[in-house]
Amino acid sequence: MPAAELREIITLEPRRKVTFFQATGPRESAIVNELFEDAAGELQLRFYCYIGLRGKEPGGPEEQAEQAQFDSADKGYKSALLSTLKRTRELLAQGKL
């Protein structure tokens, strides 16, 4: 089976936020990565998304499987987010951000 064509519209708010809108593909989604400083002045990454699967029942088995992928700590989106946050902190410490 060929891979689904995927197209995203990406908006950037420099030094603050990146939003990915999935225009085509199996998902209807907006994924947001937002940088902010917490009360202690530590750089944090807030990730949130609105997601659904085109042509699938809301909350059905396909969407539940997709949610499990988002939640996976070792190979899912959470792992990718933690890696992104670590690299962002490194670049900030080096004065490259």
Protein backbone atom coordinates (compact mmCIF):
# COMPACT_ATOMS: atom_id res chain seq x y z
CA MET A 1 0.00 0.00 0.00
CA PRO A 2 1.50 3.38 -0.96
CA ALA A 3 2.07 5.95 1.76
CA ALA A 4 -0.58 8.65 2.10
CA GLU A 5 0.36 12.03 0.70
CA LEU A 6 0.91 14.43 3.55
CA ARG A 7 0.90 18.20 3.30
CA GLU A 8 1.29 20.59 6.21
CA ILE A 9 0.94 24.30 6.59
CA ILE A 10 3.51 25.49 9.11
CA THR A 11 3.30 28.82 10.90
CA LEU A 12 6.18 30.23 12.90
CA GLU A 13 6.09 32.84 15.62
CA PRO A 14 9.87 33.33 16.06
CA ARG A 15 11.28 32.43 19.48
CA ARG A 16 7.78 31.52 20.67
CA LYS A 17 5.67 29.01 18.77
CA VAL A 18 5.43 26.69 15.76
CA THR A 19 2.08 25.31 14.60
CA PHE A 20 1.65 22.46 12.12
CA PHE A 21 -1.71 22.21 10.35
CA GLN A 22 -2.15 18.94 8.49
CA ALA A 23 -3.82 19.88 5.22
CA THR A 24 -3.86 16.40 3.64
CA GLY A 25 -3.24 12.89 4.89
CA PRO A 26 -4.99 10.54 7.28
CA ARG A 27 -5.25 13.10 10.10
CA GLU A 28 -7.05 16.39 10.56
CA SER A 29 -4.89 18.17 13.04
CA ALA A 30 -3.19 21.21 14.45
CA ILE A 31 -0.04 20.47 16.46
CA VAL A 32 1.48 23.29 18.50
CA ASN A 33 4.99 23.52 20.00
CA GLU A 34 5.27 26.56 22.25
CA LEU A 35 8.35 27.76 24.17
CA PHE A 36 7.94 29.55 27.49
CA GLU A 37 9.78 30.16 30.75
CA ASP A 38 8.35 28.74 33.95
CA ALA A 39 8.25 30.58 37.29
CA ALA A 40 11.89 29.57 37.95
CA GLY A 41 13.03 30.96 34.60
CA GLU A 42 13.59 27.51 33.08
CA LEU A 43 12.85 27.06 29.40
CA GLN A 44 9.87 24.77 28.85
CA LEU A 45 8.14 23.33 25.81
CA ARG A 46 4.36 23.16 25.81
CA PHE A 47 2.96 20.72 23.27
CA TYR A 48 -0.69 20.35 22.47
CA CYS A 49 -2.72 19.19 19.56
CA TYR A 50 -6.16 18.84 18.19
CA ILE A 51 -6.38 15.67 16.15
CA GLY A 52 -8.87 13.44 14.44
CA LEU A 53 -8.68 10.81 11.76
CA ARG A 54 -10.40 11.53 8.48
CA GLY A 55 -13.28 9.17 7.81
CA LYS A 56 -12.99 7.37 11.17
CA GLU A 57 -15.36 7.28 14.12
CA PRO A 58 -14.48 9.91 16.77
CA GLY A 59 -13.12 8.06 19.81
CA GLY A 60 -13.21 4.77 17.89
CA PRO A 61 -10.51 2.09 17.84
CA GLU A 62 -8.43 3.82 15.17
CA GLU A 63 -8.33 7.08 17.12
CA GLN A 64 -7.55 5.20 20.34
CA ALA A 65 -4.58 3.53 18.61
CA GLU A 66 -3.40 6.94 17.39
CA GLN A 67 -3.64 8.31 20.95
CA ALA A 68 -1.55 5.40 22.23
CA GLN A 69 1.15 6.37 19.72
CA PHE A 70 1.11 9.96 21.01
CA ASP A 71 1.46 8.73 24.59
CA SER A 72 4.29 6.24 23.99
CA ALA A 73 7.32 7.34 26.05
CA ASP A 74 9.92 5.24 24.24
CA LYS A 75 9.08 5.65 20.55
CA GLY A 76 6.16 8.02 20.26
CA TYR A 77 5.57 11.71 20.07
CA LYS A 78 6.40 12.21 23.75
CA SER A 79 9.92 10.89 23.15
CA ALA A 80 10.35 13.24 20.18
CA LEU A 81 9.16 16.18 22.26
CA LEU A 82 11.59 15.44 25.08
CA SER A 83 14.42 15.21 22.56
CA THR A 84 13.39 18.54 21.00
CA LEU A 85 13.27 20.23 24.40
CA LYS A 86 16.71 18.89 25.34
CA ARG A 87 18.24 20.15 22.08
CA THR A 88 16.53 23.54 22.41
CA ARG A 89 17.96 23.95 25.92
CA GLU A 90 21.44 23.04 24.63
CA LEU A 91 21.24 25.60 21.83
CA LEU A 92 20.01 28.25 24.25
CA ALA A 93 22.90 27.53 26.64
CA GLN A 94 25.33 27.90 23.71
CA GLY A 95 23.79 31.27 22.82
CA LYS A 96 22.58 30.00 19.46
CA LEU A 97 18.92 30.80 20.12
